[in-house]
Amino acid sequence: MNDKTKRVFNGWLVLSADERAEFEKAVRDYHSSTSTKQRELRETFSDRVQKMQTGPLSSGCACCGR
C-alpha cells in the first residue's frame, strides 16, 4: 500500500460508524455516476477541501495523524 493510500485509510479508521457509512455512500455514488458527474464531484470536493482548515493543528491532522 502506498503512502497516500495509507493516509486515506488511516483517516477512514478514525471516522465514526455514521461517518464511515456516509463516506462509503459517497464512494459508491461516485463510482456509479457518469464521467461528467464524476468530474463535477471532483471539482466540488476540491473546492470544499480548499476552504477547509487542512494545516497542522495542535492535536495533529485527523486524516494522517501528523
C-alpha atoms as a PDB file:
ATOM      1  CA  MET A   1       0.000   0.000   0.000  1.00  0.00           C
ATOM      2  CA  ASN A   2       1.468   3.370  -0.957  1.00  0.00           C
ATOM      3  CA  ASP A   3       1.728   6.300   1.478  1.00  0.00           C
ATOM      4  CA  LYS A   4      -1.231   8.200   0.016  1.00  0.00           C
ATOM      5  CA  THR A   5      -3.475   5.157   0.370  1.00  0.00           C
ATOM      6  CA  LYS A   6      -2.246   4.598   3.932  1.00  0.00           C
ATOM      7  CA  ARG A   7      -3.137   8.197   4.879  1.00  0.00           C
ATOM      8  CA  VAL A   8      -6.642   7.889   3.442  1.00  0.00           C
ATOM      9  CA  PHE A   9      -7.205   4.515   5.131  1.00  0.00           C
ATOM     10  CA  ASN A  10      -5.974   5.910   8.448  1.00  0.00           C
ATOM     11  CA  GLY A  11      -8.438   8.785   8.059  1.00  0.00           C
ATOM     12  CA  TRP A  12     -11.237   6.285   7.395  1.00  0.00           C
ATOM     13  CA  LEU A  13     -10.277   4.325  10.509  1.00  0.00           C
ATOM     14  CA  VAL A  14     -10.818   7.331  12.790  1.00  0.00           C
ATOM     15  CA  LEU A  15     -14.334   8.013  11.454  1.00  0.00           C
ATOM     16  CA  SER A  16     -17.404   7.082  13.451  1.00  0.00           C
ATOM     17  CA  ALA A  17     -19.693   4.382  12.075  1.00  0.00           C
ATOM     18  CA  ASP A  18     -22.065   7.044  10.701  1.00  0.00           C
ATOM     19  CA  GLU A  19     -19.201   8.941   9.075  1.00  0.00           C
ATOM     20  CA  ARG A  20     -17.876   5.726   7.513  1.00  0.00           C
ATOM     21  CA  ALA A  21     -21.319   4.955   6.099  1.00  0.00           C
ATOM     22  CA  GLU A  22     -21.548   8.477   4.660  1.00  0.00           C
ATOM     23  CA  PHE A  23     -18.076   8.162   3.130  1.00  0.00           C
ATOM     24  CA  GLU A  24     -18.792   4.744   1.650  1.00  0.00           C
ATOM     25  CA  LYS A  25     -22.071   6.004   0.156  1.00  0.00           C
ATOM     26  CA  ALA A  26     -20.215   8.915  -1.454  1.00  0.00           C
ATOM     27  CA  VAL A  27     -17.685   6.497  -2.997  1.00  0.00           C
ATOM     28  CA  ARG A  28     -20.462   4.213  -4.302  1.00  0.00           C
ATOM     29  CA  ASP A  29     -22.347   7.211  -5.724  1.00  0.00           C
ATOM     30  CA  TYR A  30     -19.155   8.417  -7.394  1.00  0.00           C
ATOM     31  CA  HIS A  31     -18.445   5.037  -8.997  1.00  0.00           C
ATOM     32  CA  SER A  32     -21.994   4.643 -10.252  1.00  0.00           C
ATOM     33  CA  SER A  33     -22.205   8.114 -11.807  1.00  0.00           C
ATOM     34  CA  THR A  34     -21.366   9.274 -15.317  1.00  0.00           C
ATOM     35  CA  SER A  35     -17.943  10.681 -16.167  1.00  0.00           C
ATOM     36  CA  THR A  36     -19.450  14.174 -16.352  1.00  0.00           C
ATOM     37  CA  LYS A  37     -20.941  13.814 -12.866  1.00  0.00           C
ATOM     38  CA  GLN A  38     -17.652  12.389 -11.564  1.00  0.00           C
ATOM     39  CA  ARG A  39     -15.811  15.466 -12.864  1.00  0.00           C
ATOM     40  CA  GLU A  40     -18.368  17.731 -11.173  1.00  0.00           C
ATOM     41  CA  LEU A  41     -17.969  15.826  -7.896  1.00  0.00           C
ATOM     42  CA  ARG A  42     -14.153  16.092  -8.060  1.00  0.00           C
ATOM     43  CA  GLU A  43     -14.393  19.852  -8.635  1.00  0.00           C
ATOM     44  CA  THR A  44     -16.949  20.308  -5.846  1.00  0.00           C
ATOM     45  CA  PHE A  45     -14.920  18.352  -3.305  1.00  0.00           C
ATOM     46  CA  SER A  46     -11.687  20.002  -4.377  1.00  0.00           C
ATOM     47  CA  ASP A  47     -13.291  23.421  -3.778  1.00  0.00           C
ATOM     48  CA  ARG A  48     -14.637  22.311  -0.380  1.00  0.00           C
ATOM     49  CA  VAL A  49     -11.282  20.954   0.749  1.00  0.00           C
ATOM     50  CA  GLN A  50      -9.549  24.182  -0.319  1.00  0.00           C
ATOM     51  CA  LYS A  51     -11.838  26.061   2.102  1.00  0.00           C
ATOM     52  CA  MET A  52     -11.212  23.650   4.992  1.00  0.00           C
ATOM     53  CA  GLN A  53      -8.523  24.046   7.623  1.00  0.00           C
ATOM     54  CA  THR A  54      -6.073  21.426   6.354  1.00  0.00           C
ATOM     55  CA  GLY A  55      -2.897  22.630   8.014  1.00  0.00           C
ATOM     56  CA  PRO A  56      -1.358  21.238  11.174  1.00  0.00           C
ATOM     57  CA  LEU A  57      -3.488  21.627  14.276  1.00  0.00           C
ATOM     58  CA  SER A  58      -2.359  21.431  17.874  1.00  0.00           C
ATOM     59  CA  SER A  59      -3.869  17.924  18.025  1.00  0.00           C
ATOM     60  CA  GLY A  60      -2.451  16.862  14.650  1.00  0.00           C
ATOM     61  CA  CYS A  61      -4.145  16.058  11.361  1.00  0.00           C
ATOM     62  CA  ALA A  62      -7.276  13.942  11.734  1.00  0.00           C
ATOM     63  CA  CYS A  63      -6.575  12.185   8.453  1.00  0.00           C
ATOM     64  CA  CYS A  64      -2.875  11.367   8.517  1.00  0.00           C
ATOM     65  CA  GLY A  65      -2.160  11.738  12.231  1.00  0.00           C
ATOM     66  CA  ARG A  66       0.774  14.158  11.762  1.00  0.00           C
END
